[in-house]
Amino acid sequence: MRAGVIVAGGRSTRFGDSDKAVADLAGTPMVRRVADRLGRVVDELVVNCREDQTEAIEAALSDHALDPRFALDTDPDQGPMAGIATGLAAVESEYAAVVACDMPFVDPAFVEYLFERARSHEAAVPRPDEWFQTTQAVYHADAMDDACRRALDRGEHKIVEPLFDLDYVVIEREEVLEHTTMETFENLNTREEFEAAVERL
C-alpha cells in the first residue's frame, strides 16, 4: 500500500484573495490536477488543509476514484512542516508521497521512482538545485511524522529540519533528470504563473 498526501493548507498570499488550491487551471481545479496525477501511483489519498477549505476542495475532488480523505490542521498557521505531519499521521500506508497542491505538473512516473528509492530508508528527497524538494518526496509516514513533531517541539520551522533525524536518500539533479524533467517541481504561486501554465495545458 502506498499513500499520497497533498498539502493544501497554505494561505496563498501571493495569489490574491482566492484559494489557489481550487483555482481553475485550464478547466480543472489545480488540486484536482495534482490528485489525478498522484492517484495513478498510490492506493490512498489524503488532503491536508484548513477546515475552511474542505468544502471547496471536496467539490474539486468529488468522484475521484480514490475517495480522498481530509487531515485538517488543528492550528492552521504552523507552516508546511506541520501540514506534512498532519497529513502523514492520517495515512494507513507505510510510505507516502507528499506533494504540494500547487505542483500541477507532478510526474507520476517520478513519484513511482521515489517510492522505489525510499524502500529500506525513511525518505527519498530530490535536490535538483541547492534546495531540497521536501514537498515532492516520499517518506516513511510514521518516521517523518515523528521527526516533524520533534522539530516543531524544538521550535524549528525550516522544512528540511526533520530530514536530519531520518535515514534519507538524496536524489541529486543528475539522477532527477534521468527520470523526469524539472517541470515536475514547478509550482504556481501567482496569477501570472497560472496564466502561463494554462497556455501550456
N, C-alpha and C. Protein backbone atom coordinates (compact mmCIF):
# COMPACT_ATOMS: atom_id res chain seq x y z
N MET A 1 0.85 -1.22 0.00
CA MET A 1 0.00 0.00 0.00
C MET A 1 0.87 1.25 0.00
N ARG A 2 0.49 2.19 -0.83
CA ARG A 2 1.19 3.47 -0.89
C ARG A 2 0.17 4.59 -0.75
N ALA A 3 0.57 5.63 -0.05
CA ALA A 3 -0.33 6.77 0.13
C ALA A 3 0.20 7.99 -0.61
N GLY A 4 -0.71 8.89 -0.90
CA GLY A 4 -0.36 10.21 -1.40
C GLY A 4 -0.94 11.24 -0.46
N VAL A 5 -0.12 12.23 -0.09
CA VAL A 5 -0.58 13.32 0.76
C VAL A 5 -0.43 14.61 -0.02
N ILE A 6 -1.54 15.32 -0.21
CA ILE A 6 -1.49 16.63 -0.88
C ILE A 6 -1.56 17.70 0.20
N VAL A 7 -0.56 18.56 0.24
CA VAL A 7 -0.50 19.62 1.25
C VAL A 7 -1.11 20.89 0.64
N ALA A 8 -2.24 21.30 1.21
CA ALA A 8 -3.01 22.40 0.60
C ALA A 8 -3.39 23.50 1.59
N GLY A 9 -2.77 23.49 2.77
CA GLY A 9 -3.24 24.40 3.83
C GLY A 9 -2.65 25.79 3.84
N GLY A 10 -1.77 26.08 2.86
CA GLY A 10 -1.15 27.41 2.84
C GLY A 10 -2.16 28.51 2.56
N ARG A 11 -1.76 29.74 2.86
CA ARG A 11 -2.69 30.87 2.73
C ARG A 11 -2.71 31.51 1.35
N SER A 12 -1.89 31.04 0.43
CA SER A 12 -1.89 31.57 -0.97
C SER A 12 -1.75 33.09 -1.00
N THR A 13 -0.88 33.63 -0.16
CA THR A 13 -0.83 35.10 -0.03
C THR A 13 -0.43 35.80 -1.32
N ARG A 14 0.37 35.13 -2.14
CA ARG A 14 0.80 35.78 -3.40
C ARG A 14 -0.24 35.65 -4.51
N PHE A 15 -1.33 34.97 -4.17
CA PHE A 15 -2.33 34.67 -5.21
C PHE A 15 -3.54 35.59 -5.16
N GLY A 16 -3.54 36.51 -4.20
CA GLY A 16 -4.71 37.37 -4.09
C GLY A 16 -5.71 36.82 -3.08
N ASP A 17 -6.97 37.12 -3.28
CA ASP A 17 -7.99 36.80 -2.28
C ASP A 17 -8.47 35.36 -2.31
N SER A 18 -8.31 34.67 -3.43
CA SER A 18 -8.89 33.33 -3.54
C SER A 18 -7.87 32.25 -3.20
N ASP A 19 -8.36 31.04 -2.96
CA ASP A 19 -7.51 29.91 -2.61
C ASP A 19 -6.99 29.26 -3.89
N LYS A 20 -5.67 29.30 -4.06
CA LYS A 20 -5.12 28.77 -5.31
C LYS A 20 -5.33 27.27 -5.45
N ALA A 21 -5.49 26.56 -4.33
CA ALA A 21 -5.67 25.10 -4.40
C ALA A 21 -6.84 24.73 -5.31
N VAL A 22 -7.91 25.52 -5.25
CA VAL A 22 -9.10 25.19 -6.04
C VAL A 22 -9.28 26.13 -7.23
N ALA A 23 -8.26 26.95 -7.49
CA ALA A 23 -8.36 27.86 -8.64
C ALA A 23 -8.42 27.06 -9.93
N ASP A 24 -9.18 27.56 -10.87
CA ASP A 24 -9.40 26.89 -12.15
C ASP A 24 -8.14 26.97 -13.00
N LEU A 25 -7.62 25.80 -13.37
CA LEU A 25 -6.41 25.73 -14.20
C LEU A 25 -6.78 25.00 -15.49
N ALA A 26 -7.06 25.77 -16.52
CA ALA A 26 -7.48 25.21 -17.81
C ALA A 26 -8.68 24.28 -17.65
N GLY A 27 -9.67 24.73 -16.86
CA GLY A 27 -10.91 23.99 -16.74
C GLY A 27 -10.98 22.98 -15.61
N THR A 28 -9.88 22.82 -14.87
CA THR A 28 -9.83 21.85 -13.77
C THR A 28 -9.19 22.51 -12.55
N PRO A 29 -9.78 22.35 -11.36
CA PRO A 29 -9.13 22.93 -10.16
C PRO A 29 -7.71 22.37 -9.98
N MET A 30 -6.79 23.22 -9.58
CA MET A 30 -5.39 22.79 -9.51
C MET A 30 -5.21 21.57 -8.61
N VAL A 31 -5.87 21.53 -7.45
CA VAL A 31 -5.71 20.40 -6.55
C VAL A 31 -6.19 19.10 -7.21
N ARG A 32 -7.17 19.21 -8.08
CA ARG A 32 -7.66 18.02 -8.80
C ARG A 32 -6.61 17.51 -9.78
N ARG A 33 -5.90 18.44 -10.42
CA ARG A 33 -4.83 18.02 -11.34
C ARG A 33 -3.75 17.24 -10.59
N VAL A 34 -3.39 17.74 -9.40
CA VAL A 34 -2.39 17.04 -8.58
C VAL A 34 -2.94 15.68 -8.14
N ALA A 35 -4.19 15.64 -7.69
CA ALA A 35 -4.80 14.38 -7.23
C ALA A 35 -4.88 13.35 -8.35
N ASP A 36 -5.22 13.81 -9.55
CA ASP A 36 -5.33 12.88 -10.68
C ASP A 36 -3.98 12.27 -11.03
N ARG A 37 -2.92 13.09 -10.99
CA ARG A 37 -1.59 12.57 -11.32
C ARG A 37 -1.05 11.66 -10.22
N LEU A 38 -1.18 12.11 -8.99
CA LEU A 38 -0.69 11.32 -7.86
C LEU A 38 -1.49 10.03 -7.72
N GLY A 39 -2.79 10.11 -8.01
CA GLY A 39 -3.67 8.95 -7.89
C GLY A 39 -3.28 7.78 -8.76
N ARG A 40 -2.47 8.02 -9.79
CA ARG A 40 -2.06 6.93 -10.68
C ARG A 40 -1.06 5.98 -10.02
N VAL A 41 -0.39 6.43 -8.95
CA VAL A 41 0.68 5.61 -8.38
C VAL A 41 0.50 5.34 -6.89
N VAL A 42 -0.66 5.71 -6.32
CA VAL A 42 -0.90 5.44 -4.89
C VAL A 42 -2.24 4.72 -4.71
N ASP A 43 -2.42 4.15 -3.51
CA ASP A 43 -3.64 3.40 -3.20
C ASP A 43 -4.61 4.19 -2.34
N GLU A 44 -4.12 5.21 -1.66
CA GLU A 44 -4.98 6.08 -0.85
C GLU A 44 -4.49 7.51 -0.97
N LEU A 45 -5.40 8.44 -0.78
CA LEU A 45 -5.10 9.85 -0.96
C LEU A 45 -5.64 10.62 0.24
N VAL A 46 -4.77 11.44 0.83
CA VAL A 46 -5.14 12.28 1.97
C VAL A 46 -4.82 13.73 1.61
N VAL A 47 -5.73 14.63 1.92
CA VAL A 47 -5.50 16.06 1.67
C VAL A 47 -5.38 16.76 3.01
N ASN A 48 -4.26 17.43 3.21
CA ASN A 48 -4.09 18.26 4.40
C ASN A 48 -4.49 19.69 4.06
N CYS A 49 -5.40 20.25 4.84
CA CYS A 49 -5.84 21.63 4.60
C CYS A 49 -6.46 22.21 5.86
N ARG A 50 -6.90 23.45 5.76
CA ARG A 50 -7.62 24.09 6.86
C ARG A 50 -9.10 23.72 6.78
N GLU A 51 -9.78 23.81 7.91
CA GLU A 51 -11.20 23.43 7.93
C GLU A 51 -12.03 24.27 6.96
N ASP A 52 -11.67 25.55 6.82
CA ASP A 52 -12.47 26.42 5.95
C ASP A 52 -12.27 26.13 4.47
N GLN A 53 -11.31 25.25 4.14
CA GLN A 53 -11.08 24.89 2.73
C GLN A 53 -11.82 23.62 2.32
N THR A 54 -12.32 22.85 3.29
CA THR A 54 -12.76 21.49 2.96
C THR A 54 -13.89 21.45 1.95
N GLU A 55 -14.83 22.33 2.08
CA GLU A 55 -15.99 22.27 1.18
C GLU A 55 -15.58 22.44 -0.28
N ALA A 56 -14.75 23.45 -0.53
CA ALA A 56 -14.32 23.72 -1.92
C ALA A 56 -13.44 22.60 -2.45
N ILE A 57 -12.53 22.08 -1.60
CA ILE A 57 -11.64 21.01 -2.06
C ILE A 57 -12.43 19.72 -2.27
N GLU A 58 -13.38 19.46 -1.38
CA GLU A 58 -14.23 18.27 -1.54
C GLU A 58 -14.97 18.32 -2.88
N ALA A 59 -15.47 19.50 -3.22
CA ALA A 59 -16.16 19.66 -4.51
C ALA A 59 -15.19 19.41 -5.68
N ALA A 60 -13.97 19.93 -5.53
CA ALA A 60 -12.97 19.76 -6.60
C ALA A 60 -12.58 18.30 -6.79
N LEU A 61 -12.65 17.52 -5.70
CA LEU A 61 -12.22 16.12 -5.76
C LEU A 61 -13.38 15.14 -5.82
N SER A 62 -14.60 15.65 -5.97
CA SER A 62 -15.76 14.75 -5.99
C SER A 62 -15.60 13.75 -7.13
N ASP A 63 -16.02 12.55 -6.91
CA ASP A 63 -15.95 11.42 -7.84
C ASP A 63 -14.52 10.97 -8.18
N HIS A 64 -13.51 11.42 -7.42
CA HIS A 64 -12.17 10.88 -7.63
C HIS A 64 -12.17 9.41 -7.20
N ALA A 65 -11.52 8.57 -7.99
CA ALA A 65 -11.57 7.12 -7.77
C ALA A 65 -11.09 6.71 -6.38
N LEU A 66 -10.15 7.45 -5.80
CA LEU A 66 -9.58 7.05 -4.51
C LEU A 66 -10.34 7.62 -3.31
N ASP A 67 -11.38 8.39 -3.56
CA ASP A 67 -12.20 8.94 -2.48
C ASP A 67 -11.33 9.58 -1.38
N PRO A 68 -10.66 10.67 -1.71
CA PRO A 68 -9.69 11.27 -0.78
C PRO A 68 -10.29 11.60 0.58
N ARG A 69 -9.44 11.43 1.62
CA ARG A 69 -9.82 11.79 2.99
C ARG A 69 -9.13 13.10 3.36
N PHE A 70 -9.64 13.75 4.41
CA PHE A 70 -9.06 15.01 4.85
C PHE A 70 -8.30 14.84 6.16
N ALA A 71 -7.20 15.55 6.28
CA ALA A 71 -6.45 15.66 7.53
C ALA A 71 -6.34 17.14 7.83
N LEU A 72 -7.14 17.60 8.77
CA LEU A 72 -7.28 19.05 8.97
C LEU A 72 -6.24 19.59 9.95
N ASP A 73 -5.74 20.78 9.62
CA ASP A 73 -4.82 21.48 10.52
C ASP A 73 -5.57 21.94 11.76
N THR A 74 -5.11 21.51 12.92
CA THR A 74 -5.75 21.98 14.15
C THR A 74 -5.30 23.41 14.47
N ASP A 75 -4.05 23.72 14.12
CA ASP A 75 -3.52 25.07 14.30
C ASP A 75 -3.03 25.51 12.93
N PRO A 76 -3.88 26.19 12.16
CA PRO A 76 -3.68 26.32 10.72
C PRO A 76 -2.42 27.03 10.26
N ASP A 77 -1.80 27.88 11.09
CA ASP A 77 -0.70 28.69 10.55
C ASP A 77 0.67 28.28 11.07
N GLN A 78 0.86 26.98 11.21
CA GLN A 78 2.15 26.45 11.68
C GLN A 78 3.13 26.19 10.53
N GLY A 79 2.68 26.35 9.29
CA GLY A 79 3.60 26.16 8.17
C GLY A 79 3.56 24.76 7.59
N PRO A 80 4.32 24.55 6.50
CA PRO A 80 4.24 23.28 5.76
C PRO A 80 4.69 22.06 6.55
N MET A 81 5.65 22.24 7.47
CA MET A 81 6.11 21.07 8.23
C MET A 81 4.97 20.48 9.05
N ALA A 82 4.19 21.33 9.70
CA ALA A 82 3.04 20.87 10.48
C ALA A 82 2.00 20.23 9.57
N GLY A 83 1.81 20.80 8.38
CA GLY A 83 0.87 20.22 7.42
C GLY A 83 1.29 18.84 6.96
N ILE A 84 2.58 18.67 6.72
CA ILE A 84 3.10 17.36 6.32
C ILE A 84 2.86 16.34 7.44
N ALA A 85 3.18 16.74 8.67
CA ALA A 85 2.99 15.83 9.82
C ALA A 85 1.53 15.43 9.96
N THR A 86 0.63 16.41 9.85
CA THR A 86 -0.80 16.13 9.99
C THR A 86 -1.28 15.17 8.90
N GLY A 87 -0.84 15.41 7.67
CA GLY A 87 -1.22 14.54 6.56
C GLY A 87 -0.69 13.13 6.73
N LEU A 88 0.59 13.01 7.14
CA LEU A 88 1.19 11.69 7.29
C LEU A 88 0.56 10.91 8.44
N ALA A 89 0.14 11.62 9.48
CA ALA A 89 -0.49 10.93 10.62
C ALA A 89 -1.80 10.28 10.23
N ALA A 90 -2.40 10.75 9.14
CA ALA A 90 -3.72 10.24 8.73
C ALA A 90 -3.66 9.09 7.73
N VAL A 91 -2.47 8.77 7.22
CA VAL A 91 -2.41 7.71 6.20
C VAL A 91 -2.37 6.34 6.85
N GLU A 92 -2.80 5.35 6.09
CA GLU A 92 -2.78 3.97 6.57
C GLU A 92 -1.60 3.19 6.02
N SER A 93 -0.97 3.69 4.98
CA SER A 93 0.15 3.00 4.34
C SER A 93 1.46 3.28 5.06
N GLU A 94 2.45 2.42 4.82
CA GLU A 94 3.76 2.61 5.46
C GLU A 94 4.50 3.81 4.86
N TYR A 95 4.43 3.93 3.54
CA TYR A 95 5.12 5.03 2.85
C TYR A 95 4.12 5.94 2.17
N ALA A 96 4.48 7.21 2.11
CA ALA A 96 3.59 8.19 1.48
C ALA A 96 4.39 9.19 0.66
N ALA A 97 3.86 9.51 -0.50
CA ALA A 97 4.40 10.62 -1.30
C ALA A 97 3.71 11.89 -0.85
N VAL A 98 4.49 12.91 -0.54
CA VAL A 98 3.94 14.21 -0.17
C VAL A 98 4.16 15.16 -1.34
N VAL A 99 3.07 15.79 -1.79
CA VAL A 99 3.15 16.72 -2.93
C VAL A 99 2.36 17.97 -2.59
N ALA A 100 2.93 19.12 -2.89
CA ALA A 100 2.22 20.38 -2.66
C ALA A 100 1.09 20.52 -3.67
N CYS A 101 0.01 21.18 -3.24
CA CYS A 101 -1.17 21.32 -4.10
C CYS A 101 -0.92 22.24 -5.29
N ASP A 102 0.21 22.97 -5.27
CA ASP A 102 0.46 23.91 -6.38
C ASP A 102 1.48 23.38 -7.37
N MET A 103 1.62 22.03 -7.44
CA MET A 103 2.54 21.39 -8.39
C MET A 103 1.73 20.57 -9.40
N PRO A 104 1.03 21.23 -10.31
CA PRO A 104 0.11 20.50 -11.21
C PRO A 104 0.80 19.66 -12.27
N PHE A 105 2.13 19.83 -12.41
CA PHE A 105 2.85 19.05 -13.43
C PHE A 105 3.61 17.87 -12.81
N VAL A 106 3.31 17.55 -11.54
CA VAL A 106 3.99 16.43 -10.89
C VAL A 106 3.95 15.18 -11.77
N ASP A 107 5.11 14.54 -11.93
CA ASP A 107 5.25 13.41 -12.84
C ASP A 107 5.02 12.10 -12.08
N PRO A 108 3.92 11.38 -12.37
CA PRO A 108 3.63 10.14 -11.63
C PRO A 108 4.76 9.12 -11.72
N ALA A 109 5.41 9.04 -12.87
CA ALA A 109 6.50 8.07 -13.03
C ALA A 109 7.66 8.41 -12.11
N PHE A 110 7.90 9.69 -11.90
CA PHE A 110 8.97 10.10 -10.99
C PHE A 110 8.59 9.81 -9.54
N VAL A 111 7.34 10.02 -9.20
CA VAL A 111 6.88 9.68 -7.84
C VAL A 111 7.05 8.18 -7.60
N GLU A 112 6.71 7.40 -8.60
CA GLU A 112 6.90 5.94 -8.53
C GLU A 112 8.37 5.61 -8.25
N TYR A 113 9.27 6.32 -8.95
CA TYR A 113 10.70 6.11 -8.75
C TYR A 113 11.12 6.49 -7.32
N LEU A 114 10.55 7.57 -6.78
CA LEU A 114 10.86 7.98 -5.41
C LEU A 114 10.43 6.90 -4.41
N PHE A 115 9.28 6.27 -4.66
CA PHE A 115 8.85 5.16 -3.79
C PHE A 115 9.91 4.04 -3.81
N GLU A 116 10.43 3.73 -4.99
CA GLU A 116 11.45 2.66 -5.09
C GLU A 116 12.71 3.05 -4.33
N ARG A 117 13.13 4.31 -4.48
CA ARG A 117 14.37 4.77 -3.83
C ARG A 117 14.20 4.85 -2.31
N ALA A 118 12.98 5.09 -1.85
CA ALA A 118 12.75 5.22 -0.41
C ALA A 118 12.74 3.86 0.30
N ARG A 119 12.55 2.80 -0.47
CA ARG A 119 12.44 1.48 0.14
C ARG A 119 13.68 1.18 0.98
N SER A 120 13.48 0.67 2.17
CA SER A 120 14.55 0.37 3.15
C SER A 120 15.23 1.62 3.71
N HIS A 121 14.70 2.78 3.40
CA HIS A 121 15.12 4.04 4.04
C HIS A 121 13.88 4.69 4.64
N GLU A 122 14.07 5.88 5.22
CA GLU A 122 12.93 6.59 5.80
C GLU A 122 12.47 7.76 4.94
N ALA A 123 13.21 8.05 3.88
CA ALA A 123 12.79 9.13 2.97
C ALA A 123 13.64 9.09 1.71
N ALA A 124 13.03 9.55 0.62
CA ALA A 124 13.75 9.81 -0.63
C ALA A 124 13.37 11.22 -1.06
N VAL A 125 14.35 12.11 -1.07
CA VAL A 125 14.07 13.53 -1.27
C VAL A 125 14.91 14.08 -2.42
N PRO A 126 14.27 14.65 -3.44
CA PRO A 126 15.03 15.25 -4.54
C PRO A 126 15.74 16.54 -4.11
N ARG A 127 16.92 16.74 -4.69
CA ARG A 127 17.62 18.02 -4.52
C ARG A 127 18.12 18.44 -5.90
N PRO A 128 17.21 18.98 -6.74
CA PRO A 128 17.57 19.31 -8.12
C PRO A 128 18.44 20.57 -8.22
N ASP A 129 18.50 21.35 -7.15
CA ASP A 129 19.37 22.52 -7.11
C ASP A 129 19.88 22.62 -5.67
N GLU A 130 20.10 23.82 -5.16
CA GLU A 130 20.65 23.89 -3.79
C GLU A 130 19.61 23.56 -2.73
N TRP A 131 18.33 23.51 -3.11
CA TRP A 131 17.26 23.27 -2.13
C TRP A 131 16.71 21.86 -2.24
N PHE A 132 16.36 21.29 -1.10
CA PHE A 132 15.62 20.03 -1.09
C PHE A 132 14.18 20.29 -1.51
N GLN A 133 13.61 19.38 -2.28
CA GLN A 133 12.19 19.46 -2.66
C GLN A 133 11.40 18.59 -1.69
N THR A 134 11.16 19.14 -0.50
CA THR A 134 10.50 18.35 0.55
C THR A 134 9.02 18.14 0.28
N THR A 135 8.44 18.96 -0.60
CA THR A 135 7.02 18.78 -0.92
C THR A 135 6.82 18.12 -2.29
N GLN A 136 7.84 17.34 -2.70
CA GLN A 136 7.65 16.32 -3.73
C GLN A 136 8.66 15.23 -3.40
N ALA A 137 8.31 14.47 -2.38
CA ALA A 137 9.23 13.49 -1.82
C ALA A 137 8.42 12.33 -1.25
N VAL A 138 9.10 11.23 -0.97
CA VAL A 138 8.44 10.06 -0.37
C VAL A 138 9.04 9.81 1.01
N TYR A 139 8.17 9.60 1.98
CA TYR A 139 8.58 9.41 3.37
C TYR A 139 7.99 8.13 3.96
N HIS A 140 8.73 7.55 4.91
CA HIS A 140 8.13 6.57 5.81
C HIS A 140 7.20 7.37 6.70
N ALA A 141 5.91 7.09 6.64
CA ALA A 141 4.92 8.00 7.22
C ALA A 141 5.13 8.23 8.72
N ASP A 142 5.29 7.15 9.48
CA ASP A 142 5.43 7.30 10.93
C ASP A 142 6.73 8.02 11.29
N ALA A 143 7.81 7.65 10.61
CA ALA A 143 9.12 8.23 10.94
C ALA A 143 9.14 9.74 10.66
N MET A 144 8.59 10.14 9.52
CA MET A 144 8.60 11.56 9.19
C MET A 144 7.62 12.34 10.05
N ASP A 145 6.49 11.76 10.36
CA ASP A 145 5.53 12.41 11.26
C ASP A 145 6.21 12.70 12.60
N ASP A 146 6.88 11.68 13.16
CA ASP A 146 7.57 11.85 14.44
C ASP A 146 8.67 12.91 14.34
N ALA A 147 9.44 12.86 13.24
CA ALA A 147 10.55 13.81 13.07
C ALA A 147 10.03 15.25 12.95
N CYS A 148 8.92 15.42 12.26
CA CYS A 148 8.32 16.77 12.14
C CYS A 148 7.88 17.27 13.51
N ARG A 149 7.25 16.40 14.27
CA ARG A 149 6.74 16.84 15.57
C ARG A 149 7.88 17.16 16.53
N ARG A 150 8.97 16.39 16.46
CA ARG A 150 10.14 16.71 17.30
C ARG A 150 10.73 18.06 16.90
N ALA A 151 10.81 18.30 15.59
CA ALA A 151 11.35 19.58 15.11
C ALA A 151 10.47 20.75 15.57
N LEU A 152 9.16 20.57 15.47
CA LEU A 152 8.24 21.63 15.91
C LEU A 152 8.37 21.88 17.41
N ASP A 153 8.54 20.80 18.17
CA ASP A 153 8.72 20.94 19.62
C ASP A 153 9.99 21.71 19.96
N ARG A 154 11.00 21.58 19.08
CA ARG A 154 12.25 22.32 19.29
C ARG A 154 12.15 23.77 18.82
N GLY A 155 10.99 24.12 18.24
CA GLY A 155 10.82 25.47 17.73
C GLY A 155 11.38 25.67 16.33
N GLU A 156 11.68 24.56 15.66
CA GLU A 156 12.20 24.65 14.28
C GLU A 156 11.03 24.81 13.31
N HIS A 157 11.23 25.62 12.28
CA HIS A 157 10.18 25.73 11.26
C HIS A 157 10.72 25.51 9.85
N LYS A 158 12.04 25.36 9.72
CA LYS A 158 12.59 25.08 8.39
C LYS A 158 12.18 23.67 7.99
N ILE A 159 11.64 23.56 6.82
CA ILE A 159 11.05 22.32 6.36
C ILE A 159 12.08 21.19 6.22
N VAL A 160 13.37 21.53 6.11
CA VAL A 160 14.39 20.47 5.97
C VAL A 160 14.79 19.87 7.32
N GLU A 161 14.48 20.53 8.42
CA GLU A 161 14.96 20.09 9.74
C GLU A 161 14.62 18.63 10.06
N PRO A 162 13.38 18.18 9.83
CA PRO A 162 13.05 16.78 10.19
C PRO A 162 13.91 15.76 9.45
N LEU A 163 14.39 16.10 8.26
CA LEU A 163 15.18 15.15 7.48
C LEU A 163 16.40 14.69 8.24
N PHE A 164 16.98 15.60 9.02
CA PHE A 164 18.24 15.28 9.67
C PHE A 164 18.07 14.26 10.79
N ASP A 165 16.82 13.96 11.13
CA ASP A 165 16.53 12.88 12.09
C ASP A 165 16.27 11.55 11.39
N LEU A 166 16.29 11.56 10.07
CA LEU A 166 15.88 10.37 9.31
C LEU A 166 17.04 9.75 8.55
N ASP A 167 16.87 8.49 8.20
CA ASP A 167 17.76 7.84 7.24
C ASP A 167 17.19 8.14 5.85
N TYR A 168 17.74 9.16 5.21
CA TYR A 168 17.16 9.60 3.94
C TYR A 168 18.16 9.49 2.79
N VAL A 169 17.64 9.27 1.59
CA VAL A 169 18.47 9.29 0.39
C VAL A 169 18.15 10.55 -0.40
N VAL A 170 19.18 11.12 -0.99
CA VAL A 170 19.02 12.35 -1.77
C VAL A 170 19.05 11.99 -3.25
N ILE A 171 18.08 12.50 -3.98
CA ILE A 171 18.05 12.31 -5.43
C ILE A 171 18.61 13.60 -6.04
N GLU A 172 19.88 13.55 -6.42
CA GLU A 172 20.53 14.76 -6.94
C GLU A 172 20.06 15.05 -8.36
N ARG A 173 20.42 16.24 -8.83
CA ARG A 173 19.91 16.74 -10.11
C ARG A 173 20.12 15.76 -11.27
N GLU A 174 21.31 15.19 -11.34
CA GLU A 174 21.61 14.28 -12.46
C GLU A 174 20.66 13.08 -12.46
N GLU A 175 20.42 12.54 -11.28
CA GLU A 175 19.51 11.39 -11.15
C GLU A 175 18.07 11.81 -11.44
N VAL A 176 17.70 13.00 -10.98
CA VAL A 176 16.35 13.53 -11.28
C VAL A 176 16.15 13.55 -12.79
N LEU A 177 17.13 14.12 -13.51
CA LEU A 177 16.98 14.32 -14.95
C LEU A 177 17.03 13.01 -15.74
N GLU A 178 17.52 11.95 -15.12
CA GLU A 178 17.46 10.63 -15.76
C GLU A 178 16.03 10.09 -15.77
N HIS A 179 15.19 10.62 -14.86
CA HIS A 179 13.87 10.03 -14.68
C HIS A 179 12.71 10.98 -14.97
N THR A 180 12.98 12.27 -15.06
CA THR A 180 11.90 13.23 -15.31
C THR A 180 12.51 14.54 -15.80
N THR A 181 11.67 15.56 -15.92
CA THR A 181 12.16 16.90 -16.26
C THR A 181 11.92 17.81 -15.06
N MET A 182 12.53 18.98 -15.10
CA MET A 182 12.37 19.92 -13.98
C MET A 182 10.93 20.43 -13.87
N GLU A 183 10.14 20.21 -14.91
CA GLU A 183 8.75 20.66 -14.88
C GLU A 183 7.98 20.02 -13.72
N THR A 184 8.38 18.82 -13.31
CA THR A 184 7.66 18.13 -12.23
C THR A 184 7.62 18.96 -10.95
N PHE A 185 8.65 19.80 -10.73
CA PHE A 185 8.74 20.59 -9.49
C PHE A 185 8.12 21.98 -9.61
N GLU A 186 7.65 22.31 -10.78
CA GLU A 186 7.16 23.68 -10.99
C GLU A 186 5.94 23.96 -10.11
N ASN A 187 6.01 25.03 -9.35
CA ASN A 187 4.84 25.37 -8.54
C ASN A 187 4.31 26.74 -8.96
N LEU A 188 3.00 26.87 -8.85
CA LEU A 188 2.32 28.07 -9.32
C LEU A 188 1.89 28.90 -8.11
N ASN A 189 2.45 30.10 -8.00
CA ASN A 189 2.16 30.94 -6.84
C ASN A 189 1.41 32.22 -7.18
N THR A 190 1.53 32.67 -8.43
CA THR A 190 0.94 33.95 -8.79
C THR A 190 -0.03 33.78 -9.95
N ARG A 191 -0.87 34.78 -10.14
CA ARG A 191 -1.80 34.76 -11.30
C ARG A 191 -1.03 34.63 -12.61
N GLU A 192 0.12 35.30 -12.68
CA GLU A 192 0.91 35.27 -13.92
C GLU A 192 1.39 33.86 -14.23
N GLU A 193 1.87 33.17 -13.18
CA GLU A 193 2.34 31.79 -13.37
C GLU A 193 1.19 30.88 -13.78
N PHE A 194 0.02 31.13 -13.22
CA PHE A 194 -1.19 30.38 -13.58
C PHE A 194 -1.49 30.55 -15.06
N GLU A 195 -1.50 31.80 -15.50
CA GLU A 195 -1.86 32.09 -16.90
C GLU A 195 -0.87 31.43 -17.87
N ALA A 196 0.41 31.46 -17.50
CA ALA A 196 1.42 30.82 -18.34
C ALA A 196 1.21 29.31 -18.40
N ALA A 197 0.82 28.72 -17.28
CA ALA A 197 0.57 27.27 -17.22
C ALA A 197 -0.66 26.89 -18.03
N VAL A 198 -1.68 27.73 -17.99
CA VAL A 198 -2.92 27.46 -18.74
C VAL A 198 -2.59 27.32 -20.22
N GLU A 199 -1.73 28.19 -20.71
CA GLU A 199 -1.37 28.13 -22.14
C GLU A 199 -0.71 26.80 -22.48
N ARG A 200 0.13 26.29 -21.57
CA ARG A 200 0.82 25.02 -21.83
C ARG A 200 -0.14 23.85 -21.73
N LEU A 201 -1.16 23.96 -20.90
CA LEU A 201 -2.11 22.86 -20.75
C LEU A 201 -3.14 22.86 -21.86
